[in-house]
Amino acid sequence: MDQNTNALTSERYQRGWKKLREIDGEAGEKVIASLADIAPDFARYVIEFPFGDIYSRPQLDLKSREIAVVAALTALGNATPQLKVHIQAALNVGCTREEVIEVIMQMAVYAGFPAALNGLFAAKEVFAALDTAD
């Protein structure tokens, strides 16, 4: 077995893959798949560290973690694709649309109105896509 095969079967990788699917579902799988032809090692790192190590810690529930991620990505102001994935993830783990909107609006205080506006427009797109899928 080569080093890459060992990494993909490690407990850390398997724990991360399970957590990624629990949180992000199909959207997370698509992100990982989109890296296969350009940076498969980076895809593995995304699975192992954020999901296998951090998201799997018991100190916060997934809803709290996703609220923090939506806030952070909104505040960054330059991570709209990732923000959309995590808005969907927040909904997947129990946040309401109203909670997502409140978190994004609060970021106007700390990151400015442009970042909050961009976050609100990202949420609007995610919500619209969900409404048309129903």
N, C-alpha and C. Protein backbone atom coordinates (compact mmCIF):
# COMPACT_ATOMS: atom_id res chain seq x y z
N MET A 1 0.84 -1.18 0.00
CA MET A 1 0.00 0.00 0.00
C MET A 1 0.89 1.24 0.00
N ASP A 2 0.62 2.18 -0.90
CA ASP A 2 1.44 3.38 -0.94
C ASP A 2 0.97 4.38 0.12
N GLN A 3 1.74 5.45 0.30
CA GLN A 3 1.46 6.44 1.33
C GLN A 3 0.08 7.09 1.15
N ASN A 4 -0.30 7.39 -0.10
CA ASN A 4 -1.59 8.03 -0.36
C ASN A 4 -2.75 7.09 0.00
N THR A 5 -2.60 5.80 -0.33
CA THR A 5 -3.65 4.83 0.00
C THR A 5 -3.79 4.72 1.51
N ASN A 6 -2.67 4.71 2.24
CA ASN A 6 -2.72 4.69 3.70
C ASN A 6 -3.45 5.90 4.24
N ALA A 7 -3.18 7.07 3.66
CA ALA A 7 -3.82 8.30 4.12
C ALA A 7 -5.33 8.24 3.92
N LEU A 8 -5.77 7.70 2.79
CA LEU A 8 -7.19 7.66 2.48
C LEU A 8 -7.95 6.64 3.31
N THR A 9 -7.24 5.70 3.91
CA THR A 9 -7.89 4.70 4.75
C THR A 9 -7.65 4.95 6.24
N SER A 10 -6.94 6.02 6.57
CA SER A 10 -6.65 6.31 7.97
C SER A 10 -7.93 6.65 8.73
N GLU A 11 -7.87 6.46 10.03
CA GLU A 11 -9.02 6.80 10.88
C GLU A 11 -9.35 8.29 10.78
N ARG A 12 -8.32 9.12 10.71
CA ARG A 12 -8.51 10.57 10.63
C ARG A 12 -9.25 10.94 9.35
N TYR A 13 -8.83 10.36 8.23
CA TYR A 13 -9.48 10.63 6.95
C TYR A 13 -10.93 10.13 6.97
N GLN A 14 -11.14 8.93 7.44
CA GLN A 14 -12.49 8.36 7.47
C GLN A 14 -13.42 9.17 8.37
N ARG A 15 -12.91 9.59 9.53
CA ARG A 15 -13.69 10.44 10.45
C ARG A 15 -14.03 11.76 9.76
N GLY A 16 -13.04 12.35 9.06
CA GLY A 16 -13.26 13.61 8.36
C GLY A 16 -14.25 13.49 7.22
N TRP A 17 -14.16 12.40 6.45
CA TRP A 17 -15.08 12.19 5.33
C TRP A 17 -16.51 12.06 5.84
N LYS A 18 -16.67 11.30 6.93
CA LYS A 18 -18.00 11.12 7.52
C LYS A 18 -18.57 12.47 8.00
N LYS A 19 -17.72 13.28 8.65
CA LYS A 19 -18.18 14.57 9.17
C LYS A 19 -18.49 15.53 8.02
N LEU A 20 -17.66 15.54 6.98
CA LEU A 20 -17.91 16.38 5.80
C LEU A 20 -19.27 16.05 5.20
N ARG A 21 -19.55 14.76 5.04
CA ARG A 21 -20.84 14.36 4.46
C ARG A 21 -22.00 14.72 5.37
N GLU A 22 -21.80 14.62 6.68
CA GLU A 22 -22.86 14.97 7.63
C GLU A 22 -23.19 16.46 7.56
N ILE A 23 -22.17 17.28 7.42
CA ILE A 23 -22.34 18.73 7.45
C ILE A 23 -22.72 19.29 6.08
N ASP A 24 -21.91 18.98 5.10
CA ASP A 24 -22.04 19.61 3.78
C ASP A 24 -22.77 18.77 2.75
N GLY A 25 -22.91 17.49 3.01
CA GLY A 25 -23.60 16.62 2.06
C GLY A 25 -22.98 16.66 0.68
N GLU A 26 -23.82 16.70 -0.32
CA GLU A 26 -23.39 16.67 -1.71
C GLU A 26 -22.51 17.86 -2.08
N ALA A 27 -22.78 19.02 -1.52
CA ALA A 27 -21.98 20.21 -1.84
C ALA A 27 -20.53 20.02 -1.41
N GLY A 28 -20.32 19.44 -0.25
CA GLY A 28 -18.97 19.18 0.21
C GLY A 28 -18.26 18.15 -0.64
N GLU A 29 -18.99 17.11 -1.02
CA GLU A 29 -18.42 16.09 -1.89
C GLU A 29 -18.00 16.69 -3.22
N LYS A 30 -18.79 17.62 -3.74
CA LYS A 30 -18.46 18.27 -5.02
C LYS A 30 -17.18 19.10 -4.89
N VAL A 31 -17.01 19.78 -3.77
CA VAL A 31 -15.79 20.57 -3.56
C VAL A 31 -14.58 19.65 -3.58
N ILE A 32 -14.66 18.55 -2.87
CA ILE A 32 -13.55 17.60 -2.81
C ILE A 32 -13.29 17.01 -4.20
N ALA A 33 -14.34 16.62 -4.88
CA ALA A 33 -14.18 16.05 -6.23
C ALA A 33 -13.56 17.05 -7.20
N SER A 34 -13.89 18.33 -7.04
CA SER A 34 -13.36 19.35 -7.95
C SER A 34 -11.85 19.54 -7.80
N LEU A 35 -11.30 19.06 -6.70
CA LEU A 35 -9.85 19.18 -6.47
C LEU A 35 -9.07 17.97 -6.97
N ALA A 36 -9.76 16.90 -7.34
CA ALA A 36 -9.10 15.64 -7.68
C ALA A 36 -8.07 15.77 -8.80
N ASP A 37 -8.37 16.55 -9.82
CA ASP A 37 -7.46 16.64 -10.96
C ASP A 37 -6.38 17.71 -10.80
N ILE A 38 -6.52 18.58 -9.83
CA ILE A 38 -5.52 19.64 -9.68
C ILE A 38 -4.72 19.52 -8.38
N ALA A 39 -5.38 19.12 -7.29
CA ALA A 39 -4.69 19.08 -5.99
C ALA A 39 -5.31 18.02 -5.08
N PRO A 40 -5.15 16.75 -5.43
CA PRO A 40 -5.76 15.70 -4.60
C PRO A 40 -5.23 15.69 -3.16
N ASP A 41 -3.97 16.05 -2.98
CA ASP A 41 -3.45 16.11 -1.62
C ASP A 41 -4.15 17.20 -0.82
N PHE A 42 -4.45 18.34 -1.44
CA PHE A 42 -5.16 19.41 -0.75
C PHE A 42 -6.56 18.94 -0.35
N ALA A 43 -7.22 18.19 -1.23
CA ALA A 43 -8.54 17.65 -0.91
C ALA A 43 -8.45 16.77 0.34
N ARG A 44 -7.41 15.96 0.41
CA ARG A 44 -7.21 15.10 1.58
C ARG A 44 -6.98 15.95 2.82
N TYR A 45 -6.19 17.03 2.70
CA TYR A 45 -5.95 17.90 3.85
C TYR A 45 -7.25 18.52 4.35
N VAL A 46 -8.11 18.93 3.42
CA VAL A 46 -9.40 19.52 3.79
C VAL A 46 -10.24 18.51 4.56
N ILE A 47 -10.21 17.29 4.14
CA ILE A 47 -10.98 16.25 4.83
C ILE A 47 -10.38 15.97 6.21
N GLU A 48 -9.06 15.83 6.27
CA GLU A 48 -8.42 15.42 7.52
C GLU A 48 -8.40 16.51 8.59
N PHE A 49 -7.94 17.72 8.23
CA PHE A 49 -7.77 18.72 9.28
C PHE A 49 -9.09 19.38 9.70
N PRO A 50 -9.76 20.14 8.82
CA PRO A 50 -10.97 20.81 9.31
C PRO A 50 -12.04 19.82 9.78
N PHE A 51 -12.27 18.77 9.00
CA PHE A 51 -13.39 17.88 9.33
C PHE A 51 -12.98 16.72 10.23
N GLY A 52 -11.82 16.13 9.98
CA GLY A 52 -11.37 15.01 10.80
C GLY A 52 -10.89 15.43 12.18
N ASP A 53 -10.26 16.59 12.26
CA ASP A 53 -9.71 17.05 13.53
C ASP A 53 -10.58 18.09 14.23
N ILE A 54 -10.92 19.18 13.56
CA ILE A 54 -11.60 20.30 14.22
C ILE A 54 -13.11 20.06 14.38
N TYR A 55 -13.82 19.83 13.28
CA TYR A 55 -15.26 19.64 13.36
C TYR A 55 -15.65 18.43 14.22
N SER A 56 -14.76 17.47 14.35
CA SER A 56 -15.06 16.25 15.11
C SER A 56 -14.86 16.41 16.61
N ARG A 57 -14.35 17.54 17.03
CA ARG A 57 -14.17 17.77 18.47
C ARG A 57 -15.54 17.93 19.14
N PRO A 58 -15.69 17.42 20.36
CA PRO A 58 -17.01 17.44 21.01
C PRO A 58 -17.37 18.74 21.73
N GLN A 59 -16.46 19.71 21.81
CA GLN A 59 -16.71 20.89 22.64
C GLN A 59 -17.79 21.82 22.09
N LEU A 60 -18.04 21.80 20.79
CA LEU A 60 -19.13 22.59 20.19
C LEU A 60 -19.98 21.68 19.33
N ASP A 61 -21.27 21.97 19.30
CA ASP A 61 -22.12 21.21 18.38
C ASP A 61 -21.96 21.77 16.96
N LEU A 62 -22.45 21.02 16.00
CA LEU A 62 -22.26 21.42 14.59
C LEU A 62 -22.96 22.73 14.26
N LYS A 63 -24.10 22.98 14.87
CA LYS A 63 -24.81 24.23 14.61
C LYS A 63 -23.95 25.42 15.05
N SER A 64 -23.37 25.33 16.24
CA SER A 64 -22.50 26.41 16.72
C SER A 64 -21.28 26.58 15.82
N ARG A 65 -20.72 25.48 15.37
CA ARG A 65 -19.55 25.55 14.49
C ARG A 65 -19.91 26.24 13.16
N GLU A 66 -21.05 25.89 12.60
CA GLU A 66 -21.44 26.49 11.32
C GLU A 66 -21.80 27.96 11.47
N ILE A 67 -22.38 28.35 12.59
CA ILE A 67 -22.62 29.77 12.83
C ILE A 67 -21.29 30.52 12.83
N ALA A 68 -20.29 29.95 13.49
CA ALA A 68 -18.97 30.58 13.52
C ALA A 68 -18.36 30.66 12.13
N VAL A 69 -18.53 29.62 11.33
CA VAL A 69 -17.96 29.61 9.98
C VAL A 69 -18.66 30.62 9.09
N VAL A 70 -19.98 30.69 9.17
CA VAL A 70 -20.71 31.69 8.37
C VAL A 70 -20.26 33.09 8.75
N ALA A 71 -20.09 33.34 10.03
CA ALA A 71 -19.62 34.65 10.48
C ALA A 71 -18.21 34.94 9.94
N ALA A 72 -17.32 33.98 10.07
CA ALA A 72 -15.94 34.19 9.62
C ALA A 72 -15.85 34.41 8.12
N LEU A 73 -16.55 33.59 7.35
CA LEU A 73 -16.50 33.73 5.89
C LEU A 73 -17.16 35.02 5.43
N THR A 74 -18.20 35.43 6.12
CA THR A 74 -18.82 36.72 5.81
C THR A 74 -17.83 37.84 6.09
N ALA A 75 -17.18 37.78 7.24
CA ALA A 75 -16.24 38.83 7.62
C ALA A 75 -15.06 38.90 6.67
N LEU A 76 -14.61 37.76 6.15
CA LEU A 76 -13.51 37.79 5.19
C LEU A 76 -13.88 38.62 3.96
N GLY A 77 -15.12 38.48 3.52
CA GLY A 77 -15.59 39.28 2.40
C GLY A 77 -15.10 38.84 1.03
N ASN A 78 -14.28 37.82 0.97
CA ASN A 78 -13.74 37.38 -0.32
C ASN A 78 -13.84 35.87 -0.51
N ALA A 79 -14.79 35.26 0.16
CA ALA A 79 -14.91 33.80 0.11
C ALA A 79 -16.34 33.38 -0.18
N THR A 80 -16.95 34.04 -1.15
CA THR A 80 -18.36 33.78 -1.44
C THR A 80 -18.67 32.32 -1.80
N PRO A 81 -17.87 31.65 -2.63
CA PRO A 81 -18.20 30.25 -2.91
C PRO A 81 -18.21 29.38 -1.65
N GLN A 82 -17.23 29.60 -0.79
CA GLN A 82 -17.17 28.83 0.46
C GLN A 82 -18.31 29.24 1.40
N LEU A 83 -18.65 30.52 1.42
CA LEU A 83 -19.75 30.99 2.24
C LEU A 83 -21.05 30.32 1.83
N LYS A 84 -21.29 30.20 0.54
CA LYS A 84 -22.52 29.55 0.07
C LYS A 84 -22.59 28.10 0.53
N VAL A 85 -21.47 27.39 0.44
CA VAL A 85 -21.44 26.00 0.90
C VAL A 85 -21.76 25.93 2.39
N HIS A 86 -21.21 26.87 3.16
CA HIS A 86 -21.42 26.82 4.60
C HIS A 86 -22.76 27.39 5.04
N ILE A 87 -23.38 28.24 4.23
CA ILE A 87 -24.77 28.63 4.53
C ILE A 87 -25.65 27.39 4.38
N GLN A 88 -25.44 26.65 3.32
CA GLN A 88 -26.19 25.40 3.13
C GLN A 88 -25.88 24.43 4.27
N ALA A 89 -24.62 24.34 4.67
CA ALA A 89 -24.24 23.45 5.77
C ALA A 89 -24.93 23.88 7.07
N ALA A 90 -24.98 25.19 7.32
CA ALA A 90 -25.66 25.68 8.53
C ALA A 90 -27.12 25.24 8.55
N LEU A 91 -27.76 25.33 7.41
CA LEU A 91 -29.15 24.86 7.32
C LEU A 91 -29.22 23.35 7.54
N ASN A 92 -28.26 22.63 7.00
CA ASN A 92 -28.23 21.16 7.14
C ASN A 92 -28.12 20.72 8.59
N VAL A 93 -27.43 21.51 9.41
CA VAL A 93 -27.21 21.10 10.80
C VAL A 93 -28.15 21.78 11.79
N GLY A 94 -29.18 22.44 11.29
CA GLY A 94 -30.23 22.92 12.18
C GLY A 94 -30.41 24.42 12.30
N CYS A 95 -29.60 25.22 11.65
CA CYS A 95 -29.83 26.66 11.67
C CYS A 95 -31.05 26.99 10.82
N THR A 96 -31.76 28.01 11.22
CA THR A 96 -32.86 28.50 10.41
C THR A 96 -32.33 29.57 9.46
N ARG A 97 -33.10 29.89 8.46
CA ARG A 97 -32.73 30.98 7.56
C ARG A 97 -32.60 32.28 8.34
N GLU A 98 -33.48 32.49 9.29
CA GLU A 98 -33.46 33.72 10.08
C GLU A 98 -32.17 33.82 10.89
N GLU A 99 -31.71 32.69 11.45
CA GLU A 99 -30.46 32.70 12.21
C GLU A 99 -29.27 33.02 11.31
N VAL A 100 -29.26 32.44 10.12
CA VAL A 100 -28.18 32.72 9.17
C VAL A 100 -28.15 34.20 8.83
N ILE A 101 -29.31 34.77 8.55
CA ILE A 101 -29.39 36.19 8.21
C ILE A 101 -28.91 37.05 9.37
N GLU A 102 -29.30 36.72 10.59
CA GLU A 102 -28.87 37.50 11.76
C GLU A 102 -27.37 37.46 11.94
N VAL A 103 -26.77 36.29 11.76
CA VAL A 103 -25.31 36.17 11.89
C VAL A 103 -24.63 37.04 10.85
N ILE A 104 -25.11 36.99 9.63
CA ILE A 104 -24.51 37.79 8.55
C ILE A 104 -24.70 39.28 8.83
N MET A 105 -25.89 39.68 9.26
CA MET A 105 -26.14 41.09 9.56
C MET A 105 -25.22 41.59 10.68
N GLN A 106 -24.98 40.76 11.69
CA GLN A 106 -24.12 41.16 12.79
C GLN A 106 -22.70 41.44 12.32
N MET A 107 -22.29 40.81 11.25
CA MET A 107 -20.94 41.03 10.74
C MET A 107 -20.74 42.44 10.19
N ALA A 108 -21.83 43.16 9.93
CA ALA A 108 -21.70 44.57 9.50
C ALA A 108 -20.99 45.38 10.58
N VAL A 109 -21.21 45.03 11.84
CA VAL A 109 -20.59 45.74 12.95
C VAL A 109 -19.07 45.52 12.96
N TYR A 110 -18.64 44.32 12.64
CA TYR A 110 -17.23 43.95 12.79
C TYR A 110 -16.45 43.94 11.48
N ALA A 111 -17.14 43.69 10.38
CA ALA A 111 -16.45 43.57 9.09
C ALA A 111 -16.88 44.63 8.09
N GLY A 112 -17.92 45.38 8.42
CA GLY A 112 -18.39 46.44 7.54
C GLY A 112 -19.61 46.05 6.73
N PHE A 113 -20.28 47.07 6.24
CA PHE A 113 -21.49 46.86 5.45
C PHE A 113 -21.23 46.13 4.14
N PRO A 114 -20.14 46.41 3.42
CA PRO A 114 -19.92 45.67 2.17
C PRO A 114 -19.81 44.16 2.39
N ALA A 115 -19.09 43.74 3.43
CA ALA A 115 -18.97 42.31 3.70
C ALA A 115 -20.34 41.71 4.06
N ALA A 116 -21.10 42.42 4.87
CA ALA A 116 -22.43 41.92 5.24
C ALA A 116 -23.36 41.88 4.03
N LEU A 117 -23.31 42.91 3.19
CA LEU A 117 -24.14 42.90 1.98
C LEU A 117 -23.79 41.71 1.08
N ASN A 118 -22.49 41.47 0.89
CA ASN A 118 -22.09 40.33 0.08
C ASN A 118 -22.58 39.02 0.68
N GLY A 119 -22.50 38.92 2.00
CA GLY A 119 -23.01 37.72 2.68
C GLY A 119 -24.50 37.55 2.52
N LEU A 120 -25.24 38.65 2.62
CA LEU A 120 -26.70 38.57 2.46
C LEU A 120 -27.08 38.16 1.04
N PHE A 121 -26.35 38.68 0.06
CA PHE A 121 -26.63 38.28 -1.32
C PHE A 121 -26.29 36.81 -1.55
N ALA A 122 -25.24 36.32 -0.90
CA ALA A 122 -24.90 34.90 -1.01
C ALA A 122 -26.01 34.05 -0.39
N ALA A 123 -26.51 34.48 0.76
CA ALA A 123 -27.61 33.75 1.41
C ALA A 123 -28.85 33.76 0.52
N LYS A 124 -29.14 34.90 -0.08
CA LYS A 124 -30.30 35.01 -0.97
C LYS A 124 -30.20 34.00 -2.11
N GLU A 125 -29.00 33.85 -2.68
CA GLU A 125 -28.80 32.87 -3.76
C GLU A 125 -28.99 31.44 -3.27
N VAL A 126 -28.45 31.13 -2.10
CA VAL A 126 -28.60 29.77 -1.55
C VAL A 126 -30.08 29.49 -1.28
N PHE A 127 -30.77 30.42 -0.66
CA PHE A 127 -32.19 30.22 -0.35
C PHE A 127 -33.01 30.06 -1.63
N ALA A 128 -32.72 30.87 -2.65
CA ALA A 128 -33.45 30.78 -3.91
C ALA A 128 -33.22 29.42 -4.57
N ALA A 129 -31.99 28.94 -4.53
CA ALA A 129 -31.69 27.62 -5.12
C ALA A 129 -32.45 26.52 -4.38
N LEU A 130 -32.53 26.63 -3.07
CA LEU A 130 -33.28 25.65 -2.29
C LEU A 130 -34.77 25.71 -2.62
N ASP A 131 -35.28 26.92 -2.77
CA ASP A 131 -36.72 27.08 -3.05
C ASP A 131 -37.09 26.53 -4.43
N THR A 132 -36.19 26.66 -5.40
CA THR A 132 -36.49 26.13 -6.73
C THR A 132 -36.29 24.63 -6.80
N ALA A 133 -35.48 24.08 -5.88
CA ALA A 133 -35.24 22.62 -5.86
C ALA A 133 -36.42 21.88 -5.24
N ASP A 134 -37.21 22.58 -4.44
CA ASP A 134 -38.37 21.92 -3.76
C ASP A 134 -39.50 21.62 -4.68
